[in-house]
Amino acid sequence: MIPVIEVSFGMGAGSSGGVDEKKQQGSGEGMGFGAKAKPSAVIVIKGDQIQLLSLGRPGTLEKLMEKVPEIIDKIPKAEGRKGKTEK
Protein backbone atom coordinates (compact mmCIF):
# COMPACT_ATOMS: atom_id res chain seq x y z
CA MET A 1 0.00 0.00 0.00
CA ILE A 2 1.23 3.44 -0.91
CA PRO A 3 -0.57 6.47 0.56
CA VAL A 4 -1.28 9.48 -1.65
CA ILE A 5 -1.37 12.69 0.36
CA GLU A 6 -2.52 16.15 -0.71
CA VAL A 7 -0.39 18.92 0.75
CA SER A 8 -1.35 22.57 0.51
CA PHE A 9 0.22 25.75 1.80
CA GLY A 10 -1.16 29.25 2.24
CA MET A 11 0.25 32.59 3.23
CA GLY A 12 -1.16 36.04 3.76
CA ALA A 13 0.15 39.41 4.86
CA GLY A 14 -1.25 42.88 5.30
CA SER A 15 -0.67 46.25 6.87
CA SER A 16 -2.67 49.34 7.59
CA GLY A 17 -2.26 52.77 9.06
CA GLY A 18 -4.48 55.66 9.95
CA VAL A 19 -5.50 58.48 12.27
CA ASP A 20 -8.21 58.16 14.95
CA GLU A 21 -10.65 60.78 16.28
CA LYS A 22 -8.01 62.13 18.68
CA LYS A 23 -5.59 62.73 15.78
CA GLN A 24 -3.30 59.93 16.96
CA GLN A 25 -1.57 57.99 14.27
CA GLY A 26 -1.32 54.25 14.33
CA SER A 27 -0.33 51.39 12.12
CA GLY A 28 -0.33 47.65 12.23
CA GLU A 29 1.01 44.73 10.30
CA GLY A 30 0.15 41.09 10.27
CA MET A 31 1.26 37.91 8.59
CA GLY A 32 0.16 34.31 8.64
CA PHE A 33 1.22 30.98 7.19
CA GLY A 34 -0.56 27.63 7.16
CA ALA A 35 -0.10 24.12 5.88
CA LYS A 36 -2.44 21.15 5.53
CA ALA A 37 -1.78 17.50 4.73
CA LYS A 38 -4.74 15.26 3.93
CA PRO A 39 -4.75 11.62 2.80
CA SER A 40 -6.67 11.44 -0.47
CA ALA A 41 -6.05 7.95 -1.84
CA VAL A 42 -4.18 4.69 -1.42
CA ILE A 43 -2.42 2.76 -4.17
CA VAL A 44 -2.77 -0.98 -3.62
CA ILE A 45 -0.41 -3.31 -5.49
CA LYS A 46 -1.51 -6.94 -5.48
CA GLY A 47 0.40 -9.27 -7.77
CA ASP A 48 0.06 -7.86 -11.27
CA GLN A 49 -2.88 -5.63 -10.33
CA ILE A 50 -2.63 -2.00 -9.27
CA GLN A 51 -5.64 -0.20 -7.81
CA LEU A 52 -6.12 3.40 -6.79
CA LEU A 53 -8.63 3.68 -3.96
CA SER A 54 -9.88 7.22 -3.43
CA LEU A 55 -10.58 8.00 0.21
CA GLY A 56 -13.09 10.68 -0.79
CA ARG A 57 -15.71 8.20 -1.98
CA PRO A 58 -18.14 6.44 0.36
CA GLY A 59 -17.21 2.82 1.02
CA THR A 60 -13.55 3.14 0.05
CA LEU A 61 -12.28 2.76 3.60
CA GLU A 62 -14.21 -0.50 3.93
CA LYS A 63 -12.65 -1.80 0.68
CA LEU A 64 -9.21 -0.88 1.99
CA MET A 65 -9.81 -2.69 5.29
CA GLU A 66 -10.84 -5.82 3.36
CA LYS A 67 -7.43 -5.84 1.66
CA VAL A 68 -5.36 -5.46 4.85
CA PRO A 69 -5.28 -9.22 5.70
CA GLU A 70 -4.07 -10.05 2.17
CA ILE A 71 -1.34 -7.43 2.40
CA ILE A 72 -0.21 -8.61 5.84
CA ASP A 73 0.02 -12.20 4.52
CA LYS A 74 2.43 -11.02 1.82
CA ILE A 75 4.84 -9.44 4.31
CA PRO A 76 7.80 -11.82 4.70
CA LYS A 77 7.73 -13.56 8.07
CA ALA A 78 10.88 -13.54 10.21
CA GLU A 79 12.19 -17.09 10.44
CA GLY A 80 13.98 -16.55 13.72
CA ARG A 81 13.99 -14.01 16.48
CA LYS A 82 17.02 -12.30 17.96
CA GLY A 83 18.08 -13.62 21.33
CA LYS A 84 16.80 -17.17 20.78
CA THR A 85 19.10 -20.04 19.98
CA GLU A 86 18.09 -22.94 17.77
CA LYS A 87 18.75 -26.53 18.82
PDB file of N, CA and C in Angstrom:
ATOM      1  N   MET A   1       0.843  -1.175   0.000  1.00  0.00           N
ATOM      2  CA  MET A   1       0.000   0.000   0.000  1.00  0.00           C
ATOM      3  C   MET A   1       0.889   1.240   0.000  1.00  0.00           C
ATOM      4  N   ILE A   2       0.508   2.174  -0.828  1.00  0.00           N
ATOM      5  CA  ILE A   2       1.231   3.438  -0.908  1.00  0.00           C
ATOM      6  C   ILE A   2       0.225   4.562  -0.698  1.00  0.00           C
ATOM      7  N   PRO A   3       0.379   5.365   0.359  1.00  0.00           N
ATOM      8  CA  PRO A   3      -0.568   6.469   0.560  1.00  0.00           C
ATOM      9  C   PRO A   3      -0.294   7.627  -0.394  1.00  0.00           C
ATOM     10  N   VAL A   4      -1.371   8.267  -0.837  1.00  0.00           N
ATOM     11  CA  VAL A   4      -1.280   9.476  -1.650  1.00  0.00           C
ATOM     12  C   VAL A   4      -1.826  10.607  -0.786  1.00  0.00           C
ATOM     13  N   ILE A   5      -1.015  11.625  -0.572  1.00  0.00           N
ATOM     14  CA  ILE A   5      -1.374  12.692   0.356  1.00  0.00           C
ATOM     15  C   ILE A   5      -1.373  14.033  -0.374  1.00  0.00           C
ATOM     16  N   GLU A   6      -2.452  14.795  -0.178  1.00  0.00           N
ATOM     17  CA  GLU A   6      -2.522  16.150  -0.709  1.00  0.00           C
ATOM     18  C   GLU A   6      -1.901  17.093   0.318  1.00  0.00           C
ATOM     19  N   VAL A   7      -1.009  17.937  -0.133  1.00  0.00           N
ATOM     20  CA  VAL A   7      -0.387  18.921   0.748  1.00  0.00           C
ATOM     21  C   VAL A   7      -0.636  20.297   0.151  1.00  0.00           C
ATOM     22  N   SER A   8      -1.128  21.211   0.989  1.00  0.00           N
ATOM     23  CA  SER A   8      -1.352  22.574   0.507  1.00  0.00           C
ATOM     24  C   SER A   8      -0.793  23.568   1.519  1.00  0.00           C
ATOM     25  N   PHE A   9      -0.358  24.690   0.993  1.00  0.00           N
ATOM     26  CA  PHE A   9       0.221  25.746   1.803  1.00  0.00           C
ATOM     27  C   PHE A   9      -0.484  27.058   1.481  1.00  0.00           C
ATOM     28  N   GLY A  10      -0.563  27.935   2.460  1.00  0.00           N
ATOM     29  CA  GLY A  10      -1.156  29.246   2.240  1.00  0.00           C
ATOM     30  C   GLY A  10      -0.426  30.298   3.059  1.00  0.00           C
ATOM     31  N   MET A  11      -0.435  31.513   2.539  1.00  0.00           N
ATOM     32  CA  MET A  11       0.253  32.592   3.233  1.00  0.00           C
ATOM     33  C   MET A  11      -0.487  33.891   2.956  1.00  0.00           C
ATOM     34  N   GLY A  12      -0.527  34.742   3.947  1.00  0.00           N
ATOM     35  CA  GLY A  12      -1.156  36.043   3.764  1.00  0.00           C
ATOM     36  C   GLY A  12      -0.442  37.088   4.602  1.00  0.00           C
ATOM     37  N   ALA A  13      -0.477  38.316   4.130  1.00  0.00           N
ATOM     38  CA  ALA A  13       0.153  39.414   4.864  1.00  0.00           C
ATOM     39  C   ALA A  13      -0.624  40.689   4.568  1.00  0.00           C
ATOM     40  N   GLY A  14      -0.572  41.602   5.504  1.00  0.00           N
ATOM     41  CA  GLY A  14      -1.254  42.877   5.298  1.00  0.00           C
ATOM     42  C   GLY A  14      -0.772  43.914   6.293  1.00  0.00           C
ATOM     43  N   SER A  15      -1.027  45.162   5.958  1.00  0.00           N
ATOM     44  CA  SER A  15      -0.673  46.250   6.871  1.00  0.00           C
ATOM     45  C   SER A  15      -1.658  47.386   6.660  1.00  0.00           C
ATOM     46  N   SER A  16      -1.754  48.207   7.664  1.00  0.00           N
ATOM     47  CA  SER A  16      -2.673  49.337   7.587  1.00  0.00           C
ATOM     48  C   SER A  16      -2.167  50.447   8.499  1.00  0.00           C
ATOM     49  N   GLY A  17      -2.606  51.621   8.225  1.00  0.00           N
ATOM     50  CA  GLY A  17      -2.263  52.769   9.058  1.00  0.00           C
ATOM     51  C   GLY A  17      -3.382  53.790   8.986  1.00  0.00           C
ATOM     52  N   GLY A  18      -3.427  54.664   9.973  1.00  0.00           N
ATOM     53  CA  GLY A  18      -4.483  55.656   9.947  1.00  0.00           C
ATOM     54  C   GLY A  18      -4.407  56.598  11.129  1.00  0.00           C
ATOM     55  N   VAL A  19      -5.407  57.485  11.207  1.00  0.00           N
ATOM     56  CA  VAL A  19      -5.498  58.480  12.272  1.00  0.00           C
ATOM     57  C   VAL A  19      -6.873  58.315  12.917  1.00  0.00           C
ATOM     58  N   ASP A  20      -6.917  58.290  14.258  1.00  0.00           N
ATOM     59  CA  ASP A  20      -8.206  58.160  14.950  1.00  0.00           C
ATOM     60  C   ASP A  20      -8.827  59.524  15.233  1.00  0.00           C
ATOM     61  N   GLU A  21      -9.945  59.532  15.992  1.00  0.00           N
ATOM     62  CA  GLU A  21     -10.654  60.776  16.278  1.00  0.00           C
ATOM     63  C   GLU A  21      -9.805  61.758  17.081  1.00  0.00           C
ATOM     64  N   LYS A  22      -8.863  61.274  17.845  1.00  0.00           N
ATOM     65  CA  LYS A  22      -8.007  62.131  18.683  1.00  0.00           C
ATOM     66  C   LYS A  22      -6.747  62.567  17.946  1.00  0.00           C
ATOM     67  N   LYS A  23      -6.725  62.349  16.647  1.00  0.00           N
ATOM     68  CA  LYS A  23      -5.592  62.733  15.783  1.00  0.00           C
ATOM     69  C   LYS A  23      -4.311  61.981  16.134  1.00  0.00           C
ATOM     70  N   GLN A  24      -4.472  60.767  16.669  1.00  0.00           N
ATOM     71  CA  GLN A  24      -3.296  59.932  16.956  1.00  0.00           C
ATOM     72  C   GLN A  24      -3.105  58.971  15.789  1.00  0.00           C
ATOM     73  N   GLN A  25      -1.869  58.886  15.380  1.00  0.00           N
ATOM     74  CA  GLN A  25      -1.567  57.992  14.270  1.00  0.00           C
ATOM     75  C   GLN A  25      -1.282  56.589  14.787  1.00  0.00           C
ATOM     76  N   GLY A  26      -1.603  55.633  13.974  1.00  0.00           N
ATOM     77  CA  GLY A  26      -1.315  54.249  14.326  1.00  0.00           C
ATOM     78  C   GLY A  26      -1.155  53.406  13.073  1.00  0.00           C
ATOM     79  N   SER A  27      -0.502  52.322  13.245  1.00  0.00           N
ATOM     80  CA  SER A  27      -0.335  51.393  12.121  1.00  0.00           C
ATOM     81  C   SER A  27      -0.230  49.986  12.673  1.00  0.00           C
ATOM     82  N   GLY A  28      -0.438  49.038  11.813  1.00  0.00           N
ATOM     83  CA  GLY A  28      -0.329  47.646  12.228  1.00  0.00           C
ATOM     84  C   GLY A  28      -0.013  46.767  11.035  1.00  0.00           C
ATOM     85  N   GLU A  29       0.647  45.698  11.325  1.00  0.00           N
ATOM     86  CA  GLU A  29       1.007  44.730  10.301  1.00  0.00           C
ATOM     87  C   GLU A  29       0.660  43.339  10.809  1.00  0.00           C
ATOM     88  N   GLY A  30       0.423  42.461   9.895  1.00  0.00           N
ATOM     89  CA  GLY A  30       0.151  41.086  10.271  1.00  0.00           C
ATOM     90  C   GLY A  30       0.547  40.135   9.159  1.00  0.00           C
ATOM     91  N   MET A  31       0.846  38.909   9.560  1.00  0.00           N
ATOM     92  CA  MET A  31       1.261  37.910   8.587  1.00  0.00           C
ATOM     93  C   MET A  31       0.867  36.543   9.113  1.00  0.00           C
ATOM     94  N   GLY A  32       0.506  35.656   8.224  1.00  0.00           N
ATOM     95  CA  GLY A  32       0.160  34.306   8.638  1.00  0.00           C
ATOM     96  C   GLY A  32       0.585  33.288   7.597  1.00  0.00           C
ATOM     97  N   PHE A  33       0.793  32.067   8.061  1.00  0.00           N
ATOM     98  CA  PHE A  33       1.218  30.976   7.188  1.00  0.00           C
ATOM     99  C   PHE A  33       0.541  29.708   7.675  1.00  0.00           C
ATOM    100  N   GLY A  34       0.079  28.882   6.763  1.00  0.00           N
ATOM    101  CA  GLY A  34      -0.556  27.629   7.162  1.00  0.00           C
ATOM    102  C   GLY A  34      -0.227  26.511   6.203  1.00  0.00           C
ATOM    103  N   ALA A  35      -0.341  25.300   6.701  1.00  0.00           N
ATOM    104  CA  ALA A  35      -0.098  24.115   5.880  1.00  0.00           C
ATOM    105  C   ALA A  35      -1.115  23.046   6.264  1.00  0.00           C
ATOM    106  N   LYS A  36      -1.473  22.219   5.292  1.00  0.00           N
ATOM    107  CA  LYS A  36      -2.436  21.154   5.533  1.00  0.00           C
ATOM    108  C   LYS A  36      -2.006  19.921   4.755  1.00  0.00           C
ATOM    109  N   ALA A  37      -2.057  18.774   5.394  1.00  0.00           N
ATOM    110  CA  ALA A  37      -1.783  17.498   4.731  1.00  0.00           C
ATOM    111  C   ALA A  37      -2.998  16.609   4.946  1.00  0.00           C
ATOM    112  N   LYS A  38      -3.523  16.061   3.853  1.00  0.00           N
ATOM    113  CA  LYS A  38      -4.744  15.260   3.932  1.00  0.00           C
ATOM    114  C   LYS A  38      -4.580  14.016   3.066  1.00  0.00           C
ATOM    115  N   PRO A  39      -4.806  12.821   3.636  1.00  0.00           N
ATOM    116  CA  PRO A  39      -4.749  11.623   2.801  1.00  0.00           C
ATOM    117  C   PRO A  39      -5.902  11.636   1.807  1.00  0.00           C
ATOM    118  N   SER A  40      -5.615  11.385   0.538  1.00  0.00           N
ATOM    119  CA  SER A  40      -6.673  11.442  -0.474  1.00  0.00           C
ATOM    120  C   SER A  40      -6.902  10.106  -1.161  1.00  0.00           C
ATOM    121  N   ALA A  41      -5.896   9.234  -1.170  1.00  0.00           N
ATOM    122  CA  ALA A  41      -6.050   7.951  -1.845  1.00  0.00           C
ATOM    123  C   ALA A  41      -4.977   6.987  -1.347  1.00  0.00           C
ATOM    124  N   VAL A  42      -5.160   5.728  -1.724  1.00  0.00           N
ATOM    125  CA  VAL A  42      -4.175   4.694  -1.419  1.00  0.00           C
ATOM    126  C   VAL A  42      -3.983   3.868  -2.686  1.00  0.00           C
ATOM    127  N   ILE A  43      -2.730   3.640  -3.040  1.00  0.00           N
ATOM    128  CA  ILE A  43      -2.421   2.764  -4.170  1.00  0.00           C
ATOM    129  C   ILE A  43      -2.161   1.377  -3.596  1.00  0.00           C
ATOM    130  N   VAL A  44      -2.916   0.388  -4.084  1.00  0.00           N
ATOM    131  CA  VAL A  44      -2.773  -0.983  -3.615  1.00  0.00           C
ATOM    132  C   VAL A  44      -2.201  -1.804  -4.756  1.00  0.00           C
ATOM    133  N   ILE A  45      -1.048  -2.456  -4.495  1.00  0.00           N
ATOM    134  CA  ILE A  45      -0.408  -3.309  -5.488  1.00  0.00           C
ATOM    135  C   ILE A  45      -0.568  -4.742  -5.017  1.00  0.00           C
ATOM    136  N   LYS A  46      -1.237  -5.546  -5.830  1.00  0.00           N
ATOM    137  CA  LYS A  46      -1.509  -6.940  -5.484  1.00  0.00           C
ATOM    138  C   LYS A  46      -1.170  -7.789  -6.703  1.00  0.00           C
ATOM    139  N   GLY A  47      -0.034  -8.463  -6.628  1.00  0.00           N
ATOM    140  CA  GLY A  47       0.399  -9.269  -7.771  1.00  0.00           C
ATOM    141  C   GLY A  47       0.654  -8.379  -8.963  1.00  0.00           C
ATOM    142  N   ASP A  48      -0.068  -8.654 -10.060  1.00  0.00           N
ATOM    143  CA  ASP A  48       0.057  -7.856 -11.275  1.00  0.00           C
ATOM    144  C   ASP A  48      -0.973  -6.732 -11.329  1.00  0.00           C
ATOM    145  N   GLN A  49      -1.819  -6.638 -10.321  1.00  0.00           N
ATOM    146  CA  GLN A  49      -2.878  -5.632 -10.326  1.00  0.00           C
ATOM    147  C   GLN A  49      -2.483  -4.418  -9.490  1.00  0.00           C
ATOM    148  N   ILE A  50      -2.849  -3.252 -10.000  1.00  0.00           N
ATOM    149  CA  ILE A  50      -2.634  -2.004  -9.270  1.00  0.00           C
ATOM    150  C   ILE A  50      -3.973  -1.284  -9.209  1.00  0.00           C
ATOM    151  N   GLN A  51      -4.377  -0.911  -7.989  1.00  0.00           N
ATOM    152  CA  GLN A  51      -5.637  -0.205  -7.810  1.00  0.00           C
ATOM    153  C   GLN A  51      -5.393   1.105  -7.081  1.00  0.00           C
ATOM    154  N   LEU A  52      -6.143   2.117  -7.478  1.00  0.00           N
ATOM    155  CA  LEU A  52      -6.120   3.400  -6.787  1.00  0.00           C
ATOM    156  C   LEU A  52      -7.456   3.540  -6.075  1.00  0.00           C
ATOM    157  N   LEU A  53      -7.420   3.550  -4.749  1.00  0.00           N
ATOM    158  CA  LEU A  53      -8.635   3.684  -3.956  1.00  0.00           C
ATOM    159  C   LEU A  53      -8.716   5.103  -3.414  1.00  0.00           C
ATOM    160  N   SER A  54      -9.690   5.845  -3.888  1.00  0.00           N
ATOM    161  CA  SER A  54      -9.885   7.216  -3.427  1.00  0.00           C
ATOM    162  C   SER A  54     -10.544   7.194  -2.063  1.00  0.00           C
ATOM    163  N   LEU A  55     -10.007   7.949  -1.123  1.00  0.00           N
ATOM    164  CA  LEU A  55     -10.582   8.001   0.214  1.00  0.00           C
ATOM    165  C   LEU A  55     -11.731   8.991   0.298  1.00  0.00           C
ATOM    166  N   GLY A  56     -12.002   9.717  -0.771  1.00  0.00           N
ATOM    167  CA  GLY A  56     -13.085  10.680  -0.790  1.00  0.00           C
ATOM    168  C   GLY A  56     -14.430  10.074  -1.132  1.00  0.00           C
ATOM    169  N   ARG A  57     -14.452   8.850  -1.603  1.00  0.00           N
ATOM    170  CA  ARG A  57     -15.709   8.203  -1.985  1.00  0.00           C
ATOM    171  C   ARG A  57     -16.244   7.363  -0.837  1.00  0.00           C
ATOM    172  N   PRO A  58     -17.565   7.303  -0.685  1.00  0.00           N
ATOM    173  CA  PRO A  58     -18.145   6.436   0.358  1.00  0.00           C
ATOM    174  C   PRO A  58     -17.820   4.970   0.098  1.00  0.00           C
ATOM    175  N   GLY A  59     -17.479   4.247   1.139  1.00  0.00           N
ATOM    176  CA  GLY A  59     -17.211   2.817   1.023  1.00  0.00           C
ATOM    177  C   GLY A  59     -15.771   2.461   0.716  1.00  0.00           C
ATOM    178  N   THR A  60     -14.937   3.426   0.402  1.00  0.00           N
ATOM    179  CA  THR A  60     -13.550   3.136   0.051  1.00  0.00           C
ATOM    180  C   THR A  60     -12.766   2.625   1.245  1.00  0.00           C
ATOM    181  N   LEU A  61     -13.002   3.203   2.405  1.00  0.00           N
ATOM    182  CA  LEU A  61     -12.280   2.765   3.600  1.00  0.00           C
ATOM    183  C   LEU A  61     -12.595   1.308   3.902  1.00  0.00           C
ATOM    184  N   GLU A  62     -13.839   0.899   3.704  1.00  0.00           N
ATOM    185  CA  GLU A  62     -14.210  -0.497   3.929  1.00  0.00           C
ATOM    186  C   GLU A  62     -13.485  -1.420   2.952  1.00  0.00           C
ATOM    187  N   LYS A  63     -13.381  -0.998   1.677  1.00  0.00           N
ATOM    188  CA  LYS A  63     -12.650  -1.798   0.678  1.00  0.00           C
ATOM    189  C   LYS A  63     -11.187  -1.939   1.083  1.00  0.00           C
ATOM    190  N   LEU A  64     -10.617  -0.856   1.575  1.00  0.00           N
ATOM    191  CA  LEU A  64      -9.213  -0.881   1.990  1.00  0.00           C
ATOM    192  C   LEU A  64      -9.022  -1.837   3.161  1.00  0.00           C
ATOM    193  N   MET A  65      -9.927  -1.802   4.128  1.00  0.00           N
ATOM    194  CA  MET A  65      -9.810  -2.686   5.291  1.00  0.00           C
ATOM    195  C   MET A  65      -9.946  -4.154   4.894  1.00  0.00           C
ATOM    196  N   GLU A  66     -10.721  -4.436   3.844  1.00  0.00           N
ATOM    197  CA  GLU A  66     -10.844  -5.816   3.362  1.00  0.00           C
ATOM    198  C   GLU A  66      -9.524  -6.325   2.798  1.00  0.00           C
ATOM    199  N   LYS A  67      -8.696  -5.442   2.274  1.00  0.00           N
ATOM    200  CA  LYS A  67      -7.430  -5.845   1.657  1.00  0.00           C
ATOM    201  C   LYS A  67      -6.292  -5.983   2.661  1.00  0.00           C
ATOM    202  N   VAL A  68      -6.442  -5.441   3.861  1.00  0.00           N
ATOM    203  CA  VAL A  68      -5.364  -5.463   4.849  1.00  0.00           C
ATOM    204  C   VAL A  68      -4.892  -6.882   5.164  1.00  0.00           C
ATOM    205  N   PRO A  69      -5.780  -7.867   5.420  1.00  0.00           N
ATOM    206  CA  PRO A  69      -5.276  -9.221   5.703  1.00  0.00           C
ATOM    207  C   PRO A  69      -4.439  -9.810   4.559  1.00  0.00           C
ATOM    208  N   GLU A  70      -4.841  -9.555   3.318  1.00  0.00           N
ATOM    209  CA  GLU A  70      -4.070 -10.055   2.170  1.00  0.00           C
ATOM    210  C   GLU A  70      -2.683  -9.421   2.134  1.00  0.00           C
ATOM    211  N   ILE A  71      -2.623  -8.144   2.437  1.00  0.00           N
ATOM    212  CA  ILE A  71      -1.341  -7.434   2.401  1.00  0.00           C
ATOM    213  C   ILE A  71      -0.442  -7.923   3.523  1.00  0.00           C
ATOM    214  N   ILE A  72      -1.006  -8.126   4.705  1.00  0.00           N
ATOM    215  CA  ILE A  72      -0.213  -8.609   5.835  1.00  0.00           C
ATOM    216  C   ILE A  72       0.335 -10.004   5.547  1.00  0.00           C
ATOM    217  N   ASP A  73      -0.447 -10.853   4.878  1.00  0.00           N
ATOM    218  CA  ASP A  73       0.023 -12.198   4.525  1.00  0.00           C
ATOM    219  C   ASP A  73       1.210 -12.157   3.575  1.00  0.00           C
ATOM    220  N   LYS A  74       1.334 -11.110   2.792  1.00  0.00           N
ATOM    221  CA  LYS A  74       2.435 -11.018   1.822  1.00  0.00           C
ATOM    222  C   LYS A  74       3.722 -10.479   2.434  1.00  0.00           C
ATOM    223  N   ILE A  75       3.642  -9.940   3.645  1.00  0.00           N
ATOM    224  CA  ILE A  75       4.844  -9.441   4.312  1.00  0.00           C
ATOM    225  C   ILE A  75       5.683 -10.648   4.731  1.00  0.00           C
ATOM    226  N   PRO A  76       6.961 -10.672   4.344  1.00  0.00           N
ATOM    227  CA  PRO A  76       7.799 -11.821   4.701  1.00  0.00           C
ATOM    228  C   PRO A  76       7.876 -12.004   6.217  1.00  0.00           C
ATOM    229  N   LYS A  77       7.677 -13.236   6.644  1.00  0.00           N
ATOM    230  CA  LYS A  77       7.733 -13.556   8.072  1.00  0.00           C
ATOM    231  C   LYS A  77       9.186 -13.766   8.479  1.00  0.00           C
ATOM    232  N   ALA A  78       9.529 -13.317   9.673  1.00  0.00           N
ATOM    233  CA  ALA A  78      10.876 -13.537  10.212  1.00  0.00           C
ATOM    234  C   ALA A  78      10.989 -15.005  10.614  1.00  0.00           C
ATOM    235  N   GLU A  79      12.019 -15.665  10.149  1.00  0.00           N
ATOM    236  CA  GLU A  79      12.185 -17.089  10.444  1.00  0.00           C
ATOM    237  C   GLU A  79      12.698 -17.306  11.856  1.00  0.00           C
ATOM    238  N   GLY A  80      13.455 -16.421  12.354  1.00  0.00           N
ATOM    239  CA  GLY A  80      13.979 -16.551  13.717  1.00  0.00           C
ATOM    240  C   GLY A  80      13.940 -15.210  14.411  1.00  0.00           C
ATOM    241  N   ARG A  81      13.999 -15.257  15.718  1.00  0.00           N
ATOM    242  CA  ARG A  81      13.991 -14.012  16.475  1.00  0.00           C
ATOM    243  C   ARG A  81      15.341 -13.819  17.140  1.00  0.00           C
ATOM    244  N   LYS A  82      15.737 -12.589  17.315  1.00  0.00           N
ATOM    245  CA  LYS A  82      17.015 -12.299  17.965  1.00  0.00           C
ATOM    246  C   LYS A  82      16.933 -12.732  19.420  1.00  0.00           C
ATOM    247  N   GLY A  83      18.020 -13.243  19.927  1.00  0.00           N
ATOM    248  CA  GLY A  83      18.082 -13.618  21.327  1.00  0.00           C
ATOM    249  C   GLY A  83      17.711 -15.077  21.584  1.00  0.00           C
ATOM    250  N   LYS A  84      17.150 -15.765  20.603  1.00  0.00           N
ATOM    251  CA  LYS A  84      16.798 -17.170  20.785  1.00  0.00           C
ATOM    252  C   LYS A  84      17.804 -18.023  20.031  1.00  0.00           C
ATOM    253  N   THR A  85      18.169 -19.136  20.633  1.00  0.00           N
ATOM    254  CA  THR A  85      19.097 -20.039  19.982  1.00  0.00           C
ATOM    255  C   THR A  85      18.335 -21.248  19.480  1.00  0.00           C
ATOM    256  N   GLU A  86      18.737 -21.764  18.346  1.00  0.00           N
ATOM    257  CA  GLU A  86      18.090 -22.943  17.773  1.00  0.00           C
ATOM    258  C   GLU A  86      18.846 -24.176  18.194  1.00  0.00           C
ATOM    259  N   LYS A  87      18.118 -25.270  18.424  1.00  0.00           N
ATOM    260  CA  LYS A  87      18.749 -26.533  18.824  1.00  0.00           C
ATOM    261  C   LYS A  87      18.918 -27.437  17.655  1.00  0.00           C
TER     262      LYS A  87
END
